[in-house]
N, C-alpha and C. Protein backbone atom coordinates (compact mmCIF):
# COMPACT_ATOMS: atom_id res chain seq x y z
N UNK A 1 -18.80 0.21 13.95
CA UNK A 1 -19.08 1.53 14.27
C UNK A 1 -19.48 2.60 13.72
N UNK A 2 -20.69 3.59 14.10
CA UNK A 2 -21.23 4.38 13.24
C UNK A 2 -20.03 5.78 13.37
N UNK A 3 -19.51 6.07 11.94
CA UNK A 3 -18.30 7.21 12.09
C UNK A 3 -18.68 8.24 12.74
N UNK A 4 -17.63 8.71 13.33
CA UNK A 4 -17.98 9.97 14.38
C UNK A 4 -17.00 11.26 13.51
N UNK A 5 -17.92 11.71 12.69
CA UNK A 5 -17.12 12.45 11.72
C UNK A 5 -16.30 13.52 12.43
N UNK A 6 -16.34 14.10 13.78
CA UNK A 6 -15.45 14.90 14.02
C UNK A 6 -14.20 14.19 14.47
N UNK A 7 -14.47 13.00 15.14
CA UNK A 7 -12.80 12.14 15.32
C UNK A 7 -12.35 12.10 14.20
N UNK A 8 -13.19 11.37 12.96
CA UNK A 8 -12.17 11.24 11.86
C UNK A 8 -11.64 12.46 11.14
N UNK A 9 -12.35 13.88 11.41
CA UNK A 9 -11.55 14.93 10.80
C UNK A 9 -10.19 15.26 11.90
N UNK A 10 -10.48 14.96 12.92
CA UNK A 10 -9.20 15.37 13.78
C UNK A 10 -8.09 14.43 13.52
N UNK A 11 -8.60 12.70 13.30
CA UNK A 11 -7.78 12.32 13.04
C UNK A 11 -6.81 12.60 11.14
N UNK A 12 -7.31 12.55 10.49
CA UNK A 12 -6.95 13.10 9.24
C UNK A 12 -5.84 14.55 9.26
N UNK A 13 -6.17 15.33 10.36
CA UNK A 13 -5.59 16.42 10.56
C UNK A 13 -3.80 15.90 10.93
N UNK A 14 -4.25 15.49 11.46
CA UNK A 14 -2.89 14.62 12.08
C UNK A 14 -2.28 13.81 11.27
N UNK A 15 -2.70 12.85 10.65
CA UNK A 15 -1.86 12.13 9.67
C UNK A 15 -1.58 12.91 8.53
N UNK A 16 -2.40 13.83 8.29
CA UNK A 16 -1.87 14.80 6.74
C UNK A 16 0.24 15.38 7.10
N UNK A 17 0.24 15.57 8.48
CA UNK A 17 1.28 16.49 8.82
C UNK A 17 2.34 15.07 8.74
N UNK A 18 2.20 13.73 8.20
CA UNK A 18 3.17 13.11 8.29
C UNK A 18 3.37 12.82 6.88
N UNK A 19 3.04 13.80 5.77
CA UNK A 19 3.10 13.53 4.26
C UNK A 19 3.28 14.88 4.30
N UNK A 20 4.03 15.57 4.52
CA UNK A 20 4.48 17.05 4.06
C UNK A 20 5.97 16.64 3.29
N UNK A 21 5.89 17.05 1.80
CA UNK A 21 6.88 16.86 1.15
C UNK A 21 6.98 15.04 0.30
N UNK A 22 6.22 14.86 1.18
CA UNK A 22 6.32 13.20 0.37
C UNK A 22 6.64 12.82 -0.73
N UNK A 23 6.88 11.72 -1.04
CA UNK A 23 7.52 11.31 -2.53
C UNK A 23 5.81 11.22 -3.00
N UNK A 24 5.69 11.30 -4.50
CA UNK A 24 4.52 11.32 -4.92
C UNK A 24 4.27 9.75 -5.24
N UNK A 25 4.73 8.70 -5.00
CA UNK A 25 4.15 7.19 -4.75
C UNK A 25 3.52 7.05 -3.97
N UNK A 26 3.83 8.19 -2.53
CA UNK A 26 3.59 7.42 -1.18
C UNK A 26 3.06 8.95 -0.60
N UNK A 27 2.68 9.88 -1.40
CA UNK A 27 1.90 11.01 -0.91
C UNK A 27 0.39 10.95 -0.10
N UNK A 28 -0.48 12.38 -0.21
CA UNK A 28 -1.59 11.90 0.31
C UNK A 28 -2.63 11.59 -0.74
N UNK A 29 -1.98 11.52 -1.83
CA UNK A 29 -3.54 11.14 -2.71
C UNK A 29 -3.48 9.88 -2.64
N UNK A 30 -2.20 8.79 -2.20
CA UNK A 30 -2.51 7.57 -2.09
C UNK A 30 -3.25 6.84 -1.01
N UNK A 31 -3.34 7.79 0.09
CA UNK A 31 -4.21 7.72 0.78
C UNK A 31 -5.73 8.02 0.37
N UNK A 32 -5.79 9.06 -0.19
CA UNK A 32 -6.73 9.25 -0.30
C UNK A 32 -7.60 8.19 -1.02
N UNK A 33 -6.84 7.59 -2.27
CA UNK A 33 -7.26 6.64 -2.70
C UNK A 33 -7.42 5.27 -2.12
N UNK A 34 -6.46 4.90 -1.24
CA UNK A 34 -6.91 3.83 -0.26
C UNK A 34 -8.30 3.90 0.39
N UNK A 35 -8.72 5.23 0.50
CA UNK A 35 -10.04 5.15 1.32
C UNK A 35 -10.81 5.09 0.79
N UNK A 36 -11.15 5.52 -0.39
CA UNK A 36 -11.97 5.38 -1.52
C UNK A 36 -11.89 3.75 -1.77
N UNK A 37 -11.24 3.28 -2.14
CA UNK A 37 -11.07 1.65 -2.20
C UNK A 37 -11.42 1.06 -1.34
N UNK A 38 -11.04 1.16 0.15
CA UNK A 38 -11.57 0.60 1.48
C UNK A 38 -12.94 0.78 1.51
N UNK A 39 -13.50 2.05 1.20
CA UNK A 39 -14.91 2.03 1.49
C UNK A 39 -15.79 1.67 0.40
N UNK A 40 -15.63 1.07 -0.42
CA UNK A 40 -15.88 0.55 -1.57
C UNK A 40 -15.88 -1.06 -0.92
N UNK A 41 -14.94 -1.37 -1.06
CA UNK A 41 -14.57 -3.17 -0.63
C UNK A 41 -15.91 -2.88 0.56
N UNK A 42 -15.12 -2.29 1.74
CA UNK A 42 -16.04 -2.35 2.95
C UNK A 42 -17.25 -2.75 3.53
N UNK A 43 -17.71 -2.10 1.95
CA UNK A 43 -19.37 -1.98 2.30
C UNK A 43 -20.10 -3.23 1.73
N UNK A 44 -19.47 -3.84 0.53
CA UNK A 44 -19.72 -5.03 0.28
C UNK A 44 -19.29 -6.19 1.20
N UNK A 45 -18.04 -5.81 2.12
CA UNK A 45 -17.64 -6.90 2.88
C UNK A 45 -18.01 -6.83 4.28
N UNK A 46 -18.96 -5.53 4.71
CA UNK A 46 -19.79 -5.76 5.87
C UNK A 46 -18.62 -4.94 6.82
N UNK A 47 -17.33 -4.42 6.50
CA UNK A 47 -16.56 -3.88 7.59
C UNK A 47 -17.23 -2.68 8.15
N UNK A 48 -16.30 -2.74 9.81
CA UNK A 48 -16.58 -1.56 10.39
C UNK A 48 -16.25 -0.13 9.67
N UNK A 49 -17.22 0.83 9.25
CA UNK A 49 -17.07 1.91 8.56
C UNK A 49 -15.74 3.06 9.36
N UNK A 50 -16.05 3.07 10.65
CA UNK A 50 -15.30 3.84 11.55
C UNK A 50 -13.63 2.87 11.82
N UNK A 51 -13.58 1.98 12.10
CA UNK A 51 -12.29 1.46 12.14
C UNK A 51 -11.45 1.42 10.83
N UNK A 52 -12.16 1.42 9.57
CA UNK A 52 -11.77 1.09 8.56
C UNK A 52 -11.14 2.62 7.88
N UNK A 53 -12.09 3.47 8.40
CA UNK A 53 -11.86 4.64 7.88
C UNK A 53 -10.53 5.42 8.18
N UNK A 54 -10.45 5.23 9.97
CA UNK A 54 -9.63 5.48 10.85
C UNK A 54 -7.97 4.94 10.42
N UNK A 55 -8.02 3.49 9.96
CA UNK A 55 -6.80 3.03 9.70
C UNK A 55 -6.19 3.24 8.36
N UNK A 56 -7.30 3.39 7.55
CA UNK A 56 -6.81 4.01 6.03
C UNK A 56 -6.14 5.50 6.52
N UNK A 57 -6.67 6.14 7.07
CA UNK A 57 -5.89 7.67 7.08
C UNK A 57 -4.62 7.49 7.73
N UNK A 58 -4.72 6.32 8.43
CA UNK A 58 -3.23 6.05 9.17
C UNK A 58 -2.28 5.22 8.64
N UNK A 59 -2.51 4.61 8.07
CA UNK A 59 -1.75 3.17 7.58
C UNK A 59 -0.56 3.68 6.91
N UNK A 60 -0.27 4.68 6.99
CA UNK A 60 1.14 5.30 6.12
C UNK A 60 1.95 6.22 6.53
N UNK A 61 1.65 6.79 7.73
CA UNK A 61 1.99 7.61 8.26
C UNK A 61 3.52 7.54 8.93
N UNK A 62 4.69 6.07 8.99
CA UNK A 62 5.48 5.42 9.25
C UNK A 62 6.37 6.00 7.70
N UNK A 63 5.60 5.82 6.48
CA UNK A 63 5.97 5.58 5.27
C UNK A 63 6.79 6.67 4.87
N UNK A 64 7.21 7.68 5.07
CA UNK A 64 7.91 8.99 4.96
C UNK A 64 9.28 8.69 5.58
N UNK A 65 9.12 8.17 6.68
CA UNK A 65 10.39 7.73 7.52
C UNK A 65 10.85 6.74 6.95
N UNK A 66 10.33 5.58 6.88
CA UNK A 66 10.89 4.52 6.12
C UNK A 66 11.89 4.68 4.95
N UNK A 67 11.10 5.30 3.95
CA UNK A 67 11.74 6.09 2.51
C UNK A 67 12.95 6.79 2.33
N UNK A 68 13.12 7.76 3.74
CA UNK A 68 14.45 8.30 4.43
C UNK A 68 15.15 7.55 4.44
N UNK A 69 14.65 6.18 5.59
CA UNK A 69 16.01 5.53 5.91
C UNK A 69 16.17 4.38 4.77
N UNK A 70 15.47 4.59 3.87
CA UNK A 70 15.90 3.58 2.76
C UNK A 70 15.53 1.87 3.34
N UNK A 71 14.52 1.71 4.18
CA UNK A 71 14.13 0.73 4.53
C UNK A 71 14.83 -0.26 5.47
N UNK A 72 15.04 0.53 6.37
CA UNK A 72 15.75 0.30 7.68
C UNK A 72 14.89 -0.31 8.78
N UNK A 73 13.53 -0.07 8.65
CA UNK A 73 12.51 -0.11 9.44
C UNK A 73 11.29 -0.42 8.62
N UNK A 74 10.53 -0.95 9.60
CA UNK A 74 9.10 -1.74 8.78
C UNK A 74 8.12 -0.14 9.06
N UNK A 75 7.75 0.25 7.84
CA UNK A 75 6.68 1.22 8.38
C UNK A 75 5.45 1.13 8.72
N UNK A 76 4.89 -0.12 8.58
CA UNK A 76 3.58 -0.36 9.24
C UNK A 76 3.99 -0.40 10.70
N UNK A 77 4.69 -0.95 11.26
CA UNK A 77 5.01 -1.43 12.59
C UNK A 77 5.05 0.08 13.32
N UNK A 78 6.09 0.90 12.54
CA UNK A 78 6.49 2.28 13.19
C UNK A 78 5.03 3.11 13.04
N UNK A 79 4.27 3.04 11.77
CA UNK A 79 3.11 3.16 11.93
C UNK A 79 2.46 3.35 12.84
N UNK A 80 1.97 2.05 13.11
CA UNK A 80 0.95 1.61 14.37
C UNK A 80 1.54 2.22 15.85
N UNK A 81 2.66 2.32 15.99
CA UNK A 81 3.08 3.07 16.95
C UNK A 81 2.54 4.44 17.40
N UNK A 82 3.05 5.00 16.17
CA UNK A 82 2.59 6.63 15.97
C UNK A 82 0.98 6.94 16.12
N UNK A 83 0.17 6.00 15.18
CA UNK A 83 -1.28 5.84 15.31
C UNK A 83 -1.74 5.39 16.63
N UNK A 84 -1.08 4.95 17.32
CA UNK A 84 -1.18 4.23 19.20
C UNK A 84 -1.53 5.66 20.19
N UNK A 85 -0.47 6.55 19.40
CA UNK A 85 -0.47 8.10 20.22
C UNK A 85 -1.42 8.63 19.85
N UNK A 86 -2.02 8.98 18.74
CA UNK A 86 -3.14 9.56 18.43
C UNK A 86 -4.27 9.20 19.00
N UNK A 87 -4.37 7.60 18.65
CA UNK A 87 -5.86 7.31 18.69
C UNK A 87 -6.08 7.71 20.92
N UNK A 88 -5.20 7.34 21.39
CA UNK A 88 -5.33 7.17 22.66
C UNK A 88 -5.78 8.61 23.11
N UNK A 89 -6.26 9.68 22.75
CA UNK A 89 -6.28 10.91 22.99
C UNK A 89 -7.69 10.96 22.91
N UNK A 90 -8.31 10.08 22.05
CA UNK A 90 -9.94 10.47 21.92
C UNK A 90 -10.95 9.60 22.42
N UNK A 91 -10.32 8.28 23.72
CA UNK A 91 -11.10 7.72 24.51
C UNK A 91 -12.06 6.76 23.77
N UNK A 92 -11.45 6.04 22.86
CA UNK A 92 -11.97 5.08 22.09
C UNK A 92 -11.79 4.17 23.08
N UNK A 93 -12.74 2.80 22.64
CA UNK A 93 -12.83 1.89 23.37
C UNK A 93 -11.52 0.95 22.83
N UNK A 94 -10.98 0.27 24.00
CA UNK A 94 -9.54 -0.37 23.44
C UNK A 94 -9.75 -1.50 22.47
N UNK A 95 -10.95 -1.74 22.36
CA UNK A 95 -10.87 -2.90 21.22
C UNK A 95 -11.09 -2.54 19.93
N UNK A 96 -11.37 -1.00 19.59
CA UNK A 96 -11.04 -0.55 18.36
C UNK A 96 -9.96 0.02 18.12
N UNK A 97 -9.73 0.64 19.13
CA UNK A 97 -8.03 1.12 19.31
C UNK A 97 -7.15 -0.23 18.35
N UNK A 98 -7.43 -1.36 18.90
CA UNK A 98 -6.58 -2.68 18.50
C UNK A 98 -6.61 -3.03 17.49
N UNK A 99 -7.99 -2.59 17.06
CA UNK A 99 -8.47 -3.47 15.44
C UNK A 99 -7.77 -2.52 14.32
N UNK A 100 -7.63 -1.35 14.68
CA UNK A 100 -7.13 -0.04 14.09
C UNK A 100 -5.76 -0.46 14.07
N UNK A 101 -5.31 -0.49 15.05
CA UNK A 101 -3.47 -0.67 15.12
C UNK A 101 -3.19 -2.22 14.24
N UNK A 102 -4.12 -3.37 14.69
CA UNK A 102 -3.83 -4.10 13.67
C UNK A 102 -4.12 -4.12 12.14
N UNK A 103 -5.13 -3.48 11.75
CA UNK A 103 -5.39 -3.19 10.47
C UNK A 103 -3.91 -2.31 9.95
N UNK A 104 -3.51 -1.56 10.73
CA UNK A 104 -2.30 -0.86 10.26
C UNK A 104 -0.96 -1.31 9.99
N UNK A 105 -0.73 -2.65 11.24
CA UNK A 105 0.76 -3.38 11.00
C UNK A 105 0.33 -4.53 10.53
N UNK A 106 -0.62 -5.06 9.71
CA UNK A 106 -1.03 -6.01 9.12
C UNK A 106 -0.55 -5.56 7.24
N UNK A 107 -0.98 -4.11 7.02
CA UNK A 107 -1.35 -3.91 5.85
C UNK A 107 -0.39 -4.11 4.90
N UNK A 108 0.76 -4.11 5.53
CA UNK A 108 2.37 -4.28 4.81
C UNK A 108 1.99 -5.31 3.58
N UNK A 109 2.87 -5.53 2.46
CA UNK A 109 3.08 -6.97 1.54
C UNK A 109 4.21 -7.52 2.45
N UNK A 110 5.38 -6.90 2.57
CA UNK A 110 6.81 -7.21 2.94
C UNK A 110 6.90 -7.52 4.56
N UNK A 111 5.96 -8.04 5.18
CA UNK A 111 5.80 -8.45 6.71
C UNK A 111 5.26 -9.46 7.47
N UNK A 112 5.26 -9.66 8.56
CA UNK A 112 5.11 -11.34 8.80
C UNK A 112 3.69 -11.18 9.66
N UNK A 113 3.10 -9.96 9.50
CA UNK A 113 1.61 -9.46 10.02
C UNK A 113 0.28 -10.33 9.53
N UNK A 114 -0.47 -10.84 9.94
CA UNK A 114 -1.41 -11.31 8.97
C UNK A 114 -2.50 -10.52 8.91
N UNK A 115 -3.35 -10.20 8.51
CA UNK A 115 -4.51 -9.48 8.71
C UNK A 115 -5.42 -10.42 8.90
N UNK A 116 -6.48 -10.09 9.94
CA UNK A 116 -7.07 -11.58 10.68
C UNK A 116 -8.60 -10.63 10.74
N UNK A 117 -8.80 -9.46 10.90
CA UNK A 117 -9.89 -8.85 11.01
C UNK A 117 -10.09 -8.50 9.97
N UNK A 118 -11.87 -8.78 9.64
CA UNK A 118 -12.66 -8.12 8.19
C UNK A 118 -11.87 -6.75 7.47
N UNK A 119 -11.95 -5.72 8.61
CA UNK A 119 -11.31 -4.64 8.26
C UNK A 119 -9.48 -4.93 8.02
N UNK A 120 -9.31 -5.43 8.73
CA UNK A 120 -7.98 -5.25 8.46
C UNK A 120 -7.49 -5.96 6.82
N UNK A 121 -8.50 -6.54 6.51
CA UNK A 121 -8.49 -7.60 4.76
C UNK A 121 -8.69 -6.55 3.80
N UNK A 122 -9.68 -6.05 4.35
CA UNK A 122 -10.22 -4.45 3.56
C UNK A 122 -8.90 -3.94 3.08
N UNK A 123 -8.62 -3.55 3.97
CA UNK A 123 -7.50 -2.36 4.14
C UNK A 123 -6.26 -2.51 3.41
N UNK A 124 -6.17 -4.18 3.51
CA UNK A 124 -4.90 -4.84 2.76
C UNK A 124 -5.11 -4.82 1.52
N UNK A 125 -6.05 -5.37 0.97
CA UNK A 125 -6.55 -5.42 -0.63
C UNK A 125 -6.74 -4.25 -0.65
N UNK A 126 -6.83 -2.77 -0.23
CA UNK A 126 -7.23 -1.72 -0.96
C UNK A 126 -5.94 -1.16 -1.06
N UNK A 127 -5.04 -1.47 0.08
CA UNK A 127 -3.59 -0.57 -0.44
C UNK A 127 -2.44 -1.60 -1.53
N UNK A 128 -2.99 -2.49 -2.09
CA UNK A 128 -2.51 -3.58 -2.79
C UNK A 128 -2.63 -3.03 -4.02
N UNK A 129 -4.04 -2.97 -4.16
CA UNK A 129 -4.65 -2.59 -4.81
C UNK A 129 -4.13 -1.21 -5.73
N UNK A 130 -3.93 -0.35 -5.22
CA UNK A 130 -3.43 1.14 -5.37
C UNK A 130 -2.04 1.06 -5.67
N UNK A 131 -1.42 -0.44 -5.79
CA UNK A 131 0.02 -0.60 -6.38
C UNK A 131 -0.03 -1.23 -7.34
N UNK A 132 -1.35 -1.60 -8.17
CA UNK A 132 -1.53 -2.18 -9.61
C UNK A 132 -2.34 -1.47 -10.68
N UNK A 133 -2.39 -1.77 -12.00
CA UNK A 133 -3.43 -1.16 -13.02
C UNK A 133 -2.71 0.02 -13.14
N UNK A 134 -3.52 0.63 -13.63
CA UNK A 134 -2.57 2.33 -14.64
C UNK A 134 -2.11 3.18 -13.21
N UNK A 135 -2.72 3.28 -12.38
CA UNK A 135 -2.05 4.01 -10.61
C UNK A 135 -0.59 3.26 -10.42
N UNK A 136 -0.99 2.05 -10.26
CA UNK A 136 -0.06 1.23 -10.01
C UNK A 136 1.17 1.49 -10.51
N UNK A 137 1.24 1.16 -12.05
CA UNK A 137 2.27 1.59 -12.46
C UNK A 137 2.81 2.97 -13.01
N UNK A 138 2.20 3.77 -12.60
CA UNK A 138 3.07 5.12 -12.18
C UNK A 138 3.62 5.55 -11.03
N UNK A 139 3.08 4.69 -9.85
CA UNK A 139 3.69 4.52 -8.81
C UNK A 139 4.91 3.83 -8.77
N UNK A 140 4.92 2.79 -9.50
CA UNK A 140 5.90 2.09 -9.51
C UNK A 140 7.29 2.72 -10.07
N UNK A 141 6.87 3.77 -11.36
CA UNK A 141 8.05 4.70 -11.80
C UNK A 141 8.51 5.43 -11.02
N UNK A 142 7.08 6.41 -9.94
CA UNK A 142 7.83 7.45 -9.16
C UNK A 142 8.54 6.66 -8.46
N UNK A 143 8.48 5.66 -7.43
CA UNK A 143 9.19 4.70 -6.62
C UNK A 143 10.86 4.74 -7.08
N UNK A 144 10.99 4.08 -8.44
CA UNK A 144 12.32 3.90 -9.05
C UNK A 144 13.01 5.23 -8.78
N UNK A 145 11.98 6.36 -9.06
CA UNK A 145 12.42 7.58 -9.50
C UNK A 145 13.58 8.00 -7.72
N UNK A 146 12.57 8.29 -7.41
CA UNK A 146 12.74 8.51 -6.00
C UNK A 146 14.25 7.83 -5.66
N UNK A 147 14.42 6.69 -5.85
CA UNK A 147 15.63 6.24 -5.57
C UNK A 147 16.63 6.50 -6.17
N UNK A 148 16.44 7.07 -7.28
CA UNK A 148 17.37 7.31 -8.73
C UNK A 148 18.17 5.91 -9.01
N UNK A 149 17.26 5.22 -9.09
CA UNK A 149 17.46 3.72 -9.62
C UNK A 149 16.49 3.56 -11.42
N UNK A 150 17.49 2.71 -12.14
CA UNK A 150 16.89 2.71 -13.18
C UNK A 150 15.43 1.72 -13.65
N UNK A 151 14.93 2.37 -14.90
CA UNK A 151 13.53 1.45 -15.03
C UNK A 151 13.81 0.18 -15.30
N UNK A 152 15.15 -0.28 -15.87
CA UNK A 152 15.01 -1.81 -16.01
C UNK A 152 16.81 -1.91 -15.67
N UNK A 153 17.12 -3.35 -15.96
CA UNK A 153 18.78 -3.33 -16.34
C UNK A 153 18.40 -4.69 -17.31
N UNK A 154 17.50 -5.28 -17.17
CA UNK A 154 17.78 -6.35 -18.07
C UNK A 154 17.83 -8.05 -17.41
N UNK A 155 18.21 -7.65 -16.00
CA UNK A 155 18.42 -9.08 -14.98
C UNK A 155 17.67 -9.23 -14.39
N UNK A 156 16.24 -8.93 -14.18
CA UNK A 156 15.22 -8.65 -13.32
C UNK A 156 15.00 -10.34 -13.33
N UNK A 157 14.56 -10.83 -14.58
CA UNK A 157 14.11 -12.33 -14.17
C UNK A 157 15.04 -13.13 -13.46
N UNK A 158 16.17 -12.93 -13.89
CA UNK A 158 17.84 -13.97 -13.32
C UNK A 158 17.74 -13.56 -11.93
N UNK A 159 17.77 -12.58 -11.76
CA UNK A 159 17.61 -12.07 -9.92
C UNK A 159 16.56 -12.40 -9.40
N UNK A 160 15.39 -12.86 -10.27
CA UNK A 160 13.90 -12.95 -9.45
C UNK A 160 14.29 -14.54 -9.03
N UNK A 161 14.75 -15.48 -9.85
CA UNK A 161 14.89 -16.78 -9.59
C UNK A 161 15.75 -16.90 -8.08
N UNK A 162 16.71 -15.62 -7.82
CA UNK A 162 17.43 -16.12 -6.44
C UNK A 162 16.21 -15.80 -5.50
N UNK A 163 15.42 -15.13 -5.40
CA UNK A 163 14.04 -15.32 -4.79
C UNK A 163 14.66 -14.44 -3.06
N UNK A 164 15.65 -13.45 -3.58
CA UNK A 164 15.99 -12.02 -2.62
C UNK A 164 14.99 -11.12 -2.75
N UNK A 165 15.05 -10.37 -1.68
CA UNK A 165 14.30 -9.26 -1.84
C UNK A 165 15.14 -8.05 -1.82
N UNK A 166 14.87 -7.44 -3.10
CA UNK A 166 16.12 -6.70 -3.66
C UNK A 166 15.75 -5.07 -3.42
N UNK A 167 14.41 -5.11 -2.54
CA UNK A 167 13.84 -3.15 -2.04
C UNK A 167 15.45 -2.64 -1.69
N UNK A 168 15.42 -1.28 -2.16
CA UNK A 168 15.74 -0.29 -1.76
C UNK A 168 17.38 -0.97 -2.26
N UNK A 169 17.76 -1.57 -2.69
CA UNK A 169 19.09 -2.29 -3.45
C UNK A 169 19.05 -1.30 -5.16
N UNK A 170 20.21 -1.39 -5.46
CA UNK A 170 20.60 -0.54 -6.70
C UNK A 170 20.07 -1.36 -7.61
N UNK A 171 19.40 -3.30 -7.63
CA UNK A 171 18.66 -3.65 -8.30
C UNK A 171 17.35 -3.47 -8.23
N UNK A 172 16.72 -2.64 -7.25
CA UNK A 172 15.40 -2.41 -7.11
C UNK A 172 14.75 -1.32 -8.48
N UNK A 173 14.80 -1.75 -9.65
CA UNK A 173 14.59 -1.13 -10.48
C UNK A 173 12.99 -0.91 -10.57
N UNK A 174 12.47 -0.21 -11.78
CA UNK A 174 10.75 -0.12 -12.14
C UNK A 174 10.47 -1.59 -12.30
N UNK A 175 11.28 -2.30 -13.11
CA UNK A 175 10.48 -3.31 -13.52
C UNK A 175 10.75 -4.97 -12.63
N UNK A 176 12.07 -4.45 -11.63
CA UNK A 176 11.63 -5.67 -10.88
C UNK A 176 10.77 -5.38 -9.59
N UNK A 177 10.35 -4.35 -9.53
CA UNK A 177 9.06 -4.50 -8.14
C UNK A 177 8.25 -4.66 -8.75
N UNK A 178 8.07 -4.98 -10.80
CA UNK A 178 6.69 -5.33 -11.12
C UNK A 178 7.14 -6.93 -10.77
N UNK A 179 8.37 -7.22 -10.98
CA UNK A 179 8.51 -9.12 -11.54
C UNK A 179 8.44 -9.68 -9.79
N UNK A 180 8.48 -8.88 -9.03
CA UNK A 180 9.10 -9.28 -7.41
C UNK A 180 7.49 -9.08 -7.02
N UNK A 181 6.77 -8.06 -7.08
CA UNK A 181 5.97 -8.09 -6.51
C UNK A 181 4.31 -7.69 -6.97
N UNK A 182 4.21 -6.66 -8.01
CA UNK A 182 3.38 -6.41 -8.71
C UNK A 182 2.52 -7.24 -9.06
N UNK A 183 3.24 -8.39 -10.14
CA UNK A 183 2.56 -9.35 -10.82
C UNK A 183 1.79 -9.92 -9.68
N UNK A 184 2.11 -10.59 -8.73
CA UNK A 184 1.91 -11.35 -7.92
C UNK A 184 0.34 -10.90 -6.92
N UNK A 185 0.54 -9.83 -6.77
CA UNK A 185 -0.65 -8.92 -6.33
C UNK A 185 -1.93 -9.76 -6.27
N UNK A 186 -2.66 -10.28 -7.69
CA UNK A 186 -3.94 -10.22 -7.81
C UNK A 186 -4.09 -11.75 -6.70
N UNK A 187 -2.89 -12.37 -6.66
CA UNK A 187 -2.95 -13.89 -6.21
C UNK A 187 -2.57 -13.50 -4.19
N UNK A 188 -3.14 -12.41 -4.10
CA UNK A 188 -2.66 -11.91 -2.28
C UNK A 188 -3.84 -11.69 -1.59
N UNK A 189 -5.07 -11.36 -2.75
CA UNK A 189 -6.06 -10.82 -2.15
C UNK A 189 -6.94 -11.52 -1.26
N UNK A 190 -7.16 -10.71 -0.38
CA UNK A 190 -8.14 -11.48 0.82
C UNK A 190 -9.83 -11.58 1.05
N UNK A 191 -10.29 -10.40 0.01
CA UNK A 191 -11.41 -10.20 -0.41
C UNK A 191 -11.88 -10.64 -1.43
N UNK A 192 -13.19 -11.24 -1.64
CA UNK A 192 -14.05 -11.59 -2.43
C UNK A 192 -14.06 -10.30 -3.47
N UNK A 193 -14.21 -9.17 -2.91
CA UNK A 193 -14.45 -7.91 -3.92
C UNK A 193 -13.08 -7.35 -4.08
N UNK A 194 -12.36 -7.61 -3.44
CA UNK A 194 -10.70 -7.21 -3.76
C UNK A 194 -10.33 -7.89 -5.14
N UNK A 195 -10.70 -9.35 -5.01
CA UNK A 195 -10.23 -10.19 -6.14
C UNK A 195 -10.65 -9.96 -7.40
N UNK A 196 -12.15 -9.55 -7.53
CA UNK A 196 -12.68 -9.02 -8.59
C UNK A 196 -11.85 -7.49 -9.21
N UNK A 197 -11.73 -6.79 -8.65
CA UNK A 197 -11.06 -5.34 -9.27
C UNK A 197 -9.59 -5.84 -9.25
N UNK A 198 -8.59 -6.62 -8.75
CA UNK A 198 -7.15 -7.20 -8.80
C UNK A 198 -7.10 -7.49 -10.24
N UNK A 199 -8.48 -8.91 -10.62
CA UNK A 199 -8.15 -9.41 -11.99
C UNK A 199 -8.11 -8.49 -13.09
N UNK A 200 -9.02 -7.31 -12.80
CA UNK A 200 -9.22 -5.94 -14.23
C UNK A 200 -7.95 -5.31 -13.92
N UNK A 201 -7.30 -4.97 -12.45
CA UNK A 201 -6.04 -4.07 -12.74
C UNK A 201 -4.58 -4.63 -13.21
N UNK A 202 -4.87 -6.06 -12.68
CA UNK A 202 -3.48 -7.33 -13.22
C UNK A 202 -3.55 -7.45 -14.77
N UNK A 203 -4.47 -7.14 -15.34
CA UNK A 203 -4.58 -7.50 -16.92
C UNK A 203 -4.23 -6.32 -17.61
N UNK A 204 -4.45 -5.38 -17.16
CA UNK A 204 -4.27 -4.58 -17.66
C UNK A 204 -2.31 -3.94 -17.79
N UNK A 205 -2.05 -3.97 -16.38
CA UNK A 205 -0.54 -4.27 -16.31
C UNK A 205 0.10 -5.15 -17.13
N UNK A 206 -0.49 -6.12 -16.90
CA UNK A 206 0.36 -7.42 -17.71
C UNK A 206 0.24 -6.85 -19.16
N UNK A 207 -0.71 -6.25 -19.96
CA UNK A 207 -0.58 -5.81 -21.17
C UNK A 207 0.12 -4.77 -21.13
N UNK A 208 0.38 -3.88 -20.18
CA UNK A 208 1.35 -2.44 -20.10
C UNK A 208 2.62 -3.03 -20.37
N UNK A 209 3.13 -3.83 -19.49
CA UNK A 209 4.44 -4.64 -19.57
C UNK A 209 5.01 -5.44 -20.46
N UNK A 210 4.02 -6.23 -21.51
CA UNK A 210 4.32 -6.68 -22.42
C UNK A 210 4.27 -5.60 -23.67
N UNK A 211 3.88 -4.64 -23.52
CA UNK A 211 4.34 -3.46 -24.58
C UNK A 211 5.52 -2.73 -24.41
N UNK A 212 5.51 -2.93 -23.06
CA UNK A 212 6.86 -2.07 -22.62
C UNK A 212 8.31 -2.76 -23.45
N UNK A 213 8.22 -4.18 -23.09
CA UNK A 213 9.48 -4.39 -23.33
C UNK A 213 9.31 -4.89 -25.03
N UNK A 214 8.25 -5.02 -25.86
CA UNK A 214 8.19 -4.93 -27.30
C UNK A 214 9.04 -3.38 -27.80
N UNK A 215 8.75 -2.43 -26.85
CA UNK A 215 9.40 -1.06 -27.17
C UNK A 215 10.76 -1.14 -27.16
N UNK A 216 11.17 -1.55 -25.93
CA UNK A 216 12.46 -1.78 -25.29
C UNK A 216 13.48 -2.11 -26.69
N UNK A 217 12.42 -3.84 -27.32
CA UNK A 217 13.31 -4.48 -27.86
C UNK A 217 12.84 -3.90 -29.93
N UNK A 218 12.39 -2.18 -29.80
CA UNK A 218 12.01 -2.03 -31.25
C UNK A 218 11.24 -2.88 -31.73
N UNK A 219 10.10 -3.59 -30.96
CA UNK A 219 9.52 -4.47 -32.01
C UNK A 219 8.33 -3.56 -31.99
N UNK A 220 7.93 -2.37 -31.68
CA UNK A 220 6.50 -1.31 -31.69
C UNK A 220 7.22 -0.51 -31.71
């Protein structure tokens, strides 16, 4: 579907309301970066530009509330509920709305909703790509700061072996997020384009955390 700029502008205006005073790790700049990435990937993967743009703008509107609750509900599921109320205002074809909502509910790394459409796969990849590489490292530390948790404890690799999600717990350090999630993102990509970008960002991140531990141990 061709992008209807008037509708997109209205959706963007509504979406921004959910990011007032949001943490820097999930603020409006994150949405902007995901949109840029998604448009880049979407062109190569032949995704529907309107569906993808709308989904990108709305994908994290439930995130601020989830973080405030410290993970008591899934922001993707909440976001889809909120997005549906917004989208129903614009008399869009129900199939288009359903695809946008599917993109939103399936974009999250930590839930059981699988991206099935091209647009959902592109959004998933774009969102995950923003969590790795140079920007991803910065966001990782911002999230740990938001939780008022440590950079590291030294117990991360031992805890990882227990295969328990420590998100929002006291063990959820910046390094735990890397060990539990970020280092695995490269292998979760769903599009050919996303895989290429992820390889570059992953390699940068691995080099960074290798240096991190060298500095912790006083070796550099």
